[in-house]
Amino acid sequence: MTATRTLISPATLARPRGRAIYWTVFTAVVVLFALAFLFPVYWMVTGAMKSPDEVARTPPTLVPQHWHTGAYTDAWDLMQLPQHLWNTLVQAAGAWALQLVFCTAAAYALSKLRPAFGKVVLGGILATLMVPAQALVVPKYLTVADLPLLHTSLLNDPLAIWLPAVANAFNLYLLKRFFDQLPRDVLEAAEIDGAGKLRTLWSVVLPMSRPVLGVVSIFALVAVWQDFLWPLMVFSDTDKQPISVALVQLSQNIQLTVLLAAMVIAGIPMVALFLVFQRHIIAGISAGSTKG
């Protein structure tokens, strides 16, 4: 049995002075990292509660001298946040649902059904990861502006967000790698019980794949929620724009405090999503290193 090697030896940690130094350094590092991540959030939240003059003051104040919450209500009403948040929710939910269905089906087929030329198909899919996203903007726009065969335009339509989001090579590969590590005997037992390929996917594979499905869901939702360039191109109608585009389009004649309040409100759904599903994210990341 080999001993685990660490930066600090067990003998040093056994001494009171060594433990004290270790926990002091550890606590200081954790506090510094926490401040580095949380201070910008605190600055934005409290900045929206300052007066416009106080926000622009130099040097800046760490705590508002007078707390004003009116910027949040003004942002909610003036910038039409409920409508744009709903637009974003519809676009993100559709992209998430379609991506889960098609990426899961494709990953299961490439991993367990072993189709002819499956490795060639997988290689072609992975090759798209080497193409910069900016290089695909023009071809995607021309495609949604005049859909092949149907000759219809998807501009100002949520389908312009949903359909390109389905072709996500990274999430497909992530799912395939997880399916590759599923125990073979479990799938064979399902086949012996008479389950077909689709039944095995629905009743056996998907329940075992909840961690990786949670990670893929987070990636899919965050990608749509934070995207700016593509929604800006396909949504010329202001009433149909997502929150990421609306914040920029409507910020020209808006006070800085109101804009900060709108940014705080726009970030709440993603923060809440992470806090609710953080256990699934950690489980999904660790599941990729588990051998079946």
Protein backbone atom coordinates (compact mmCIF):
# COMPACT_ATOMS: atom_id res chain seq x y z
CA MET A 1 0.00 0.00 0.00
CA THR A 2 1.57 3.28 -1.12
CA ALA A 3 1.25 6.38 0.99
CA THR A 4 -0.45 9.44 -0.45
CA ARG A 5 2.01 12.26 -1.10
CA THR A 6 0.87 15.78 -0.22
CA LEU A 7 2.49 19.19 0.09
CA ILE A 8 2.48 18.86 3.87
CA SER A 9 3.62 15.65 5.51
CA PRO A 10 1.41 13.86 8.07
CA ALA A 11 4.18 14.36 10.66
CA THR A 12 3.96 18.14 10.25
CA LEU A 13 0.18 18.07 10.54
CA ALA A 14 0.45 16.02 13.70
CA ARG A 15 2.21 18.90 15.49
CA PRO A 16 0.05 21.72 16.92
CA ARG A 17 2.14 24.40 15.20
CA GLY A 18 1.88 22.59 11.84
CA ARG A 19 -1.91 22.29 12.14
CA ALA A 20 -2.23 25.94 13.09
CA ILE A 21 -0.17 27.09 10.10
CA TYR A 22 -2.05 24.75 7.77
CA TRP A 23 -5.52 25.90 8.82
CA THR A 24 -4.46 29.55 8.83
CA VAL A 25 -3.19 29.36 5.24
CA PHE A 26 -6.18 27.27 4.16
CA THR A 27 -8.68 29.71 5.68
CA ALA A 28 -6.89 32.71 4.17
CA VAL A 29 -6.92 31.16 0.68
CA VAL A 30 -10.62 30.26 0.92
CA VAL A 31 -11.52 33.76 2.12
CA LEU A 32 -9.50 35.41 -0.65
CA PHE A 33 -11.11 33.28 -3.34
CA ALA A 34 -14.56 33.91 -1.86
CA LEU A 35 -13.96 37.66 -1.87
CA ALA A 36 -12.65 37.55 -5.44
CA PHE A 37 -15.85 35.88 -6.65
CA LEU A 38 -18.42 37.53 -4.38
CA PHE A 39 -17.16 41.12 -4.27
CA PRO A 40 -18.18 41.94 -7.89
CA VAL A 41 -21.65 40.62 -7.12
CA TYR A 42 -21.83 42.71 -3.94
CA TRP A 43 -20.58 45.76 -5.84
CA MET A 44 -23.28 45.39 -8.49
CA VAL A 45 -26.10 44.75 -6.01
CA THR A 46 -25.18 47.67 -3.76
CA GLY A 47 -24.33 49.92 -6.72
CA ALA A 48 -27.93 49.70 -7.85
CA MET A 49 -28.98 50.98 -4.41
CA LYS A 50 -26.85 54.11 -4.60
CA SER A 51 -27.81 57.46 -6.04
CA PRO A 52 -26.50 58.25 -9.56
CA ASP A 53 -24.08 60.81 -8.12
CA GLU A 54 -22.72 58.36 -5.56
CA VAL A 55 -22.14 55.67 -8.20
CA ALA A 56 -19.98 58.06 -10.23
CA ARG A 57 -18.11 59.38 -7.19
CA THR A 58 -14.31 59.04 -6.97
CA PRO A 59 -13.14 57.39 -4.80
CA PRO A 60 -16.11 55.03 -4.71
CA THR A 61 -18.01 54.25 -1.51
CA LEU A 62 -18.01 50.68 -0.30
CA VAL A 63 -21.41 50.94 1.40
CA PRO A 64 -24.23 53.17 0.07
CA GLN A 65 -24.72 56.30 2.16
CA HIS A 66 -28.45 56.16 1.48
CA TRP A 67 -30.15 52.95 0.40
CA HIS A 68 -32.41 53.40 -2.63
CA THR A 69 -34.37 50.37 -3.87
CA GLY A 70 -36.29 52.30 -6.51
CA ALA A 71 -33.76 51.36 -9.21
CA TYR A 72 -34.96 47.75 -9.12
CA THR A 73 -38.61 48.67 -9.64
CA ASP A 74 -37.61 51.17 -12.36
CA ALA A 75 -35.57 48.51 -14.14
CA TRP A 76 -38.45 46.04 -13.92
CA ASP A 77 -40.87 48.52 -15.52
CA LEU A 78 -38.78 50.76 -17.81
CA MET A 79 -36.73 47.99 -19.40
CA GLN A 80 -39.68 45.59 -19.73
CA LEU A 81 -37.78 42.86 -17.91
CA PRO A 82 -40.73 40.45 -17.48
CA GLN A 83 -41.25 40.22 -21.24
CA HIS A 84 -37.56 39.81 -22.07
CA LEU A 85 -37.04 37.28 -19.27
CA TRP A 86 -39.96 35.29 -20.65
CA ASN A 87 -38.45 35.43 -24.14
CA THR A 88 -35.16 34.14 -22.75
CA LEU A 89 -36.91 31.39 -20.81
CA VAL A 90 -38.78 30.18 -23.91
CA GLN A 91 -35.61 30.18 -26.01
CA ALA A 92 -33.51 28.45 -23.34
CA ALA A 93 -36.16 25.84 -22.50
CA GLY A 94 -36.70 24.90 -26.14
CA ALA A 95 -32.98 24.63 -26.84
CA TRP A 96 -32.51 22.55 -23.69
CA ALA A 97 -35.34 20.13 -24.49
CA LEU A 98 -34.34 19.57 -28.11
CA GLN A 99 -30.69 19.24 -27.20
CA LEU A 100 -31.40 16.61 -24.56
CA VAL A 101 -33.58 14.58 -26.93
CA PHE A 102 -31.37 14.62 -30.01
CA CYS A 103 -27.93 14.64 -28.34
CA THR A 104 -28.93 11.81 -26.02
CA ALA A 105 -30.32 9.75 -28.89
CA ALA A 106 -27.24 10.36 -31.04
CA ALA A 107 -24.82 9.62 -28.19
CA TYR A 108 -26.68 6.41 -27.30
CA ALA A 109 -26.63 5.27 -30.92
CA LEU A 110 -22.90 5.95 -31.33
CA SER A 111 -22.04 4.35 -27.99
CA LYS A 112 -24.27 1.29 -27.72
CA LEU A 113 -25.85 0.61 -31.12
CA ARG A 114 -22.51 0.81 -32.95
CA PRO A 115 -23.84 1.85 -36.39
CA ALA A 116 -21.86 1.44 -39.59
CA PHE A 117 -19.26 4.19 -40.02
CA GLY A 118 -20.02 5.30 -36.46
CA LYS A 119 -16.41 6.30 -35.80
CA VAL A 120 -16.33 8.33 -39.01
CA VAL A 121 -19.52 10.13 -37.98
CA LEU A 122 -18.15 10.78 -34.51
CA GLY A 123 -14.90 12.08 -35.98
CA GLY A 124 -16.81 14.47 -38.22
CA ILE A 125 -18.84 15.70 -35.25
CA LEU A 126 -15.73 16.27 -33.15
CA ALA A 127 -14.04 18.04 -36.06
CA THR A 128 -16.64 20.81 -35.77
CA LEU A 129 -15.19 21.68 -32.36
CA MET A 130 -12.07 22.96 -34.13
CA VAL A 131 -14.09 25.47 -36.17
CA PRO A 132 -14.34 28.88 -34.44
CA ALA A 133 -17.88 29.82 -33.51
CA GLN A 134 -17.51 33.17 -35.27
CA ALA A 135 -16.83 31.39 -38.57
CA LEU A 136 -20.24 29.69 -38.37
CA VAL A 137 -22.28 32.84 -37.77
CA VAL A 138 -22.74 33.78 -41.43
CA PRO A 139 -23.61 30.25 -42.68
CA LYS A 140 -26.07 29.83 -39.79
CA TYR A 141 -27.70 33.18 -40.51
CA LEU A 142 -28.10 32.41 -44.22
CA THR A 143 -29.62 29.05 -43.29
CA VAL A 144 -32.22 30.40 -40.86
CA ALA A 145 -32.99 33.37 -43.12
CA ASP A 146 -33.91 30.98 -45.95
CA LEU A 147 -34.40 27.47 -44.63
CA PRO A 148 -33.35 24.90 -47.26
CA LEU A 149 -36.14 22.94 -48.98
CA LEU A 150 -38.87 24.76 -47.04
CA HIS A 151 -37.71 28.22 -48.18
CA THR A 152 -39.07 29.92 -45.11
CA SER A 153 -37.46 32.40 -42.75
CA LEU A 154 -36.91 31.64 -39.08
CA LEU A 155 -35.86 35.17 -38.18
CA ASN A 156 -37.67 36.56 -35.12
CA ASP A 157 -38.69 32.98 -34.31
CA PRO A 158 -37.49 30.89 -31.32
CA LEU A 159 -36.66 28.10 -33.77
CA ALA A 160 -33.70 30.21 -34.89
CA ILE A 161 -32.27 29.61 -31.40
CA TRP A 162 -33.50 26.07 -30.88
CA LEU A 163 -32.30 24.38 -34.07
CA PRO A 164 -28.65 25.58 -34.07
CA ALA A 165 -28.41 24.76 -30.36
CA VAL A 166 -29.20 21.10 -31.09
CA ALA A 167 -25.94 20.68 -33.00
CA ASN A 168 -23.74 20.74 -29.90
CA ALA A 169 -20.77 18.46 -30.45
CA PHE A 170 -19.32 18.95 -26.97
CA ASN A 171 -22.46 17.86 -25.11
CA LEU A 172 -22.93 14.94 -27.50
CA TYR A 173 -19.38 13.74 -26.84
CA LEU A 174 -19.85 14.21 -23.10
CA LEU A 175 -22.95 12.00 -23.19
CA LYS A 176 -21.25 9.38 -25.35
CA ARG A 177 -18.27 9.13 -23.02
CA PHE A 178 -20.63 8.58 -20.10
CA PHE A 179 -22.64 5.94 -21.98
CA ASP A 180 -19.38 4.15 -22.84
CA GLN A 181 -18.68 3.67 -19.14
CA LEU A 182 -22.08 2.20 -18.23
CA PRO A 183 -21.83 -1.43 -17.04
CA ARG A 184 -22.35 -3.79 -19.94
CA ASP A 185 -23.96 -6.48 -17.80
CA VAL A 186 -26.82 -4.15 -16.83
CA LEU A 187 -27.71 -3.55 -20.47
CA GLU A 188 -27.40 -7.25 -21.26
CA ALA A 189 -29.74 -8.07 -18.36
CA ALA A 190 -32.30 -5.68 -19.83
CA GLU A 191 -31.99 -7.40 -23.19
CA ILE A 192 -32.50 -10.81 -21.57
CA ASP A 193 -35.67 -9.49 -19.93
CA GLY A 194 -36.96 -8.62 -23.39
CA ALA A 195 -36.34 -4.89 -23.44
CA GLY A 196 -35.67 -3.39 -26.85
CA LYS A 197 -33.14 -0.70 -27.63
CA LEU A 198 -35.58 2.17 -27.01
CA ARG A 199 -36.93 0.58 -23.84
CA THR A 200 -33.40 0.04 -22.54
CA LEU A 201 -32.57 3.69 -23.21
CA TRP A 202 -35.70 4.96 -21.44
CA SER A 203 -35.84 2.59 -18.46
CA VAL A 204 -32.17 1.76 -17.83
CA VAL A 205 -29.75 4.20 -19.43
CA LEU A 206 -31.52 7.50 -18.69
CA PRO A 207 -32.11 6.83 -14.96
CA MET A 208 -28.42 5.94 -14.61
CA SER A 209 -27.41 9.06 -16.54
CA ARG A 210 -29.02 11.69 -14.33
CA PRO A 211 -25.68 13.26 -13.25
CA VAL A 212 -24.40 13.81 -16.80
CA LEU A 213 -27.86 14.89 -17.99
CA GLY A 214 -27.81 17.52 -15.24
CA VAL A 215 -24.43 18.81 -16.42
CA VAL A 216 -25.56 18.91 -20.05
CA SER A 217 -28.72 20.74 -18.99
CA ILE A 218 -26.69 23.40 -17.18
CA PHE A 219 -24.40 23.85 -20.19
CA ALA A 220 -27.37 24.11 -22.57
CA LEU A 221 -29.29 26.64 -20.48
CA VAL A 222 -26.29 28.83 -19.66
CA ALA A 223 -25.15 28.88 -23.31
CA VAL A 224 -28.51 30.25 -24.49
CA TRP A 225 -28.96 32.57 -21.51
CA GLN A 226 -25.61 34.33 -21.94
CA ASP A 227 -25.46 34.34 -25.75
CA PHE A 228 -25.52 37.81 -27.28
CA LEU A 229 -24.29 37.92 -30.88
CA TRP A 230 -26.57 35.26 -32.36
CA PRO A 231 -29.84 36.53 -30.77
CA LEU A 232 -28.87 40.06 -31.80
CA MET A 233 -28.66 38.92 -35.42
CA VAL A 234 -31.84 36.85 -35.61
CA PHE A 235 -34.16 39.02 -33.48
CA SER A 236 -34.68 42.42 -35.03
CA ASP A 237 -38.06 42.69 -33.28
CA THR A 238 -37.37 44.33 -29.91
CA ASP A 239 -40.37 42.67 -28.28
CA LYS A 240 -38.93 39.19 -29.00
CA GLN A 241 -35.34 39.81 -27.92
CA PRO A 242 -33.85 37.92 -24.94
CA ILE A 243 -32.58 39.67 -21.85
CA SER A 244 -28.92 39.68 -22.95
CA VAL A 245 -29.74 41.71 -26.07
CA ALA A 246 -32.42 43.87 -24.46
CA LEU A 247 -30.06 45.10 -21.74
CA VAL A 248 -27.73 46.52 -24.37
CA GLN A 249 -30.42 47.85 -26.69
CA LEU A 250 -32.39 49.63 -23.94
CA SER A 251 -29.42 50.93 -21.90
CA GLN A 252 -28.69 54.04 -23.97
CA ASN A 253 -31.05 56.41 -22.15
CA ILE A 254 -31.14 54.56 -18.81
CA GLN A 255 -29.41 55.66 -15.62
CA LEU A 256 -26.45 53.57 -14.52
CA THR A 257 -28.15 52.53 -11.28
CA VAL A 258 -31.18 51.25 -13.20
CA LEU A 259 -28.92 49.34 -15.59
CA LEU A 260 -27.06 47.75 -12.66
CA ALA A 261 -30.38 46.74 -11.13
CA ALA A 262 -31.47 45.18 -14.43
CA MET A 263 -28.21 43.21 -14.62
CA VAL A 264 -28.74 41.92 -11.08
CA ILE A 265 -32.27 40.77 -11.91
CA ALA A 266 -31.09 39.16 -15.14
CA GLY A 267 -28.43 37.18 -13.28
CA ILE A 268 -30.71 35.83 -10.55
CA PRO A 269 -32.13 32.88 -12.59
CA MET A 270 -28.69 31.51 -13.45
CA VAL A 271 -27.44 31.89 -9.86
CA ALA A 272 -30.56 30.15 -8.56
CA LEU A 273 -30.14 27.40 -11.16
CA PHE A 274 -26.57 26.76 -10.04
CA LEU A 275 -27.47 26.73 -6.33
CA VAL A 276 -30.31 24.26 -6.90
CA PHE A 277 -28.38 21.90 -9.18
CA GLN A 278 -24.84 22.26 -7.83
CA ARG A 279 -24.98 18.74 -6.39
CA HIS A 280 -25.85 17.34 -9.81
CA ILE A 281 -23.06 19.35 -11.43
CA ILE A 282 -20.44 17.96 -9.05
CA ALA A 283 -21.84 14.44 -9.44
CA GLY A 284 -21.80 14.74 -13.23
CA ILE A 285 -18.21 15.97 -13.31
CA SER A 286 -17.04 13.16 -11.03
CA ALA A 287 -19.10 10.57 -12.92
CA GLY A 288 -16.92 11.01 -15.99
CA SER A 289 -13.96 9.47 -14.14
CA THR A 290 -15.90 6.45 -12.84
CA LYS A 291 -15.18 3.13 -14.45
CA GLY A 292 -18.17 0.92 -15.17
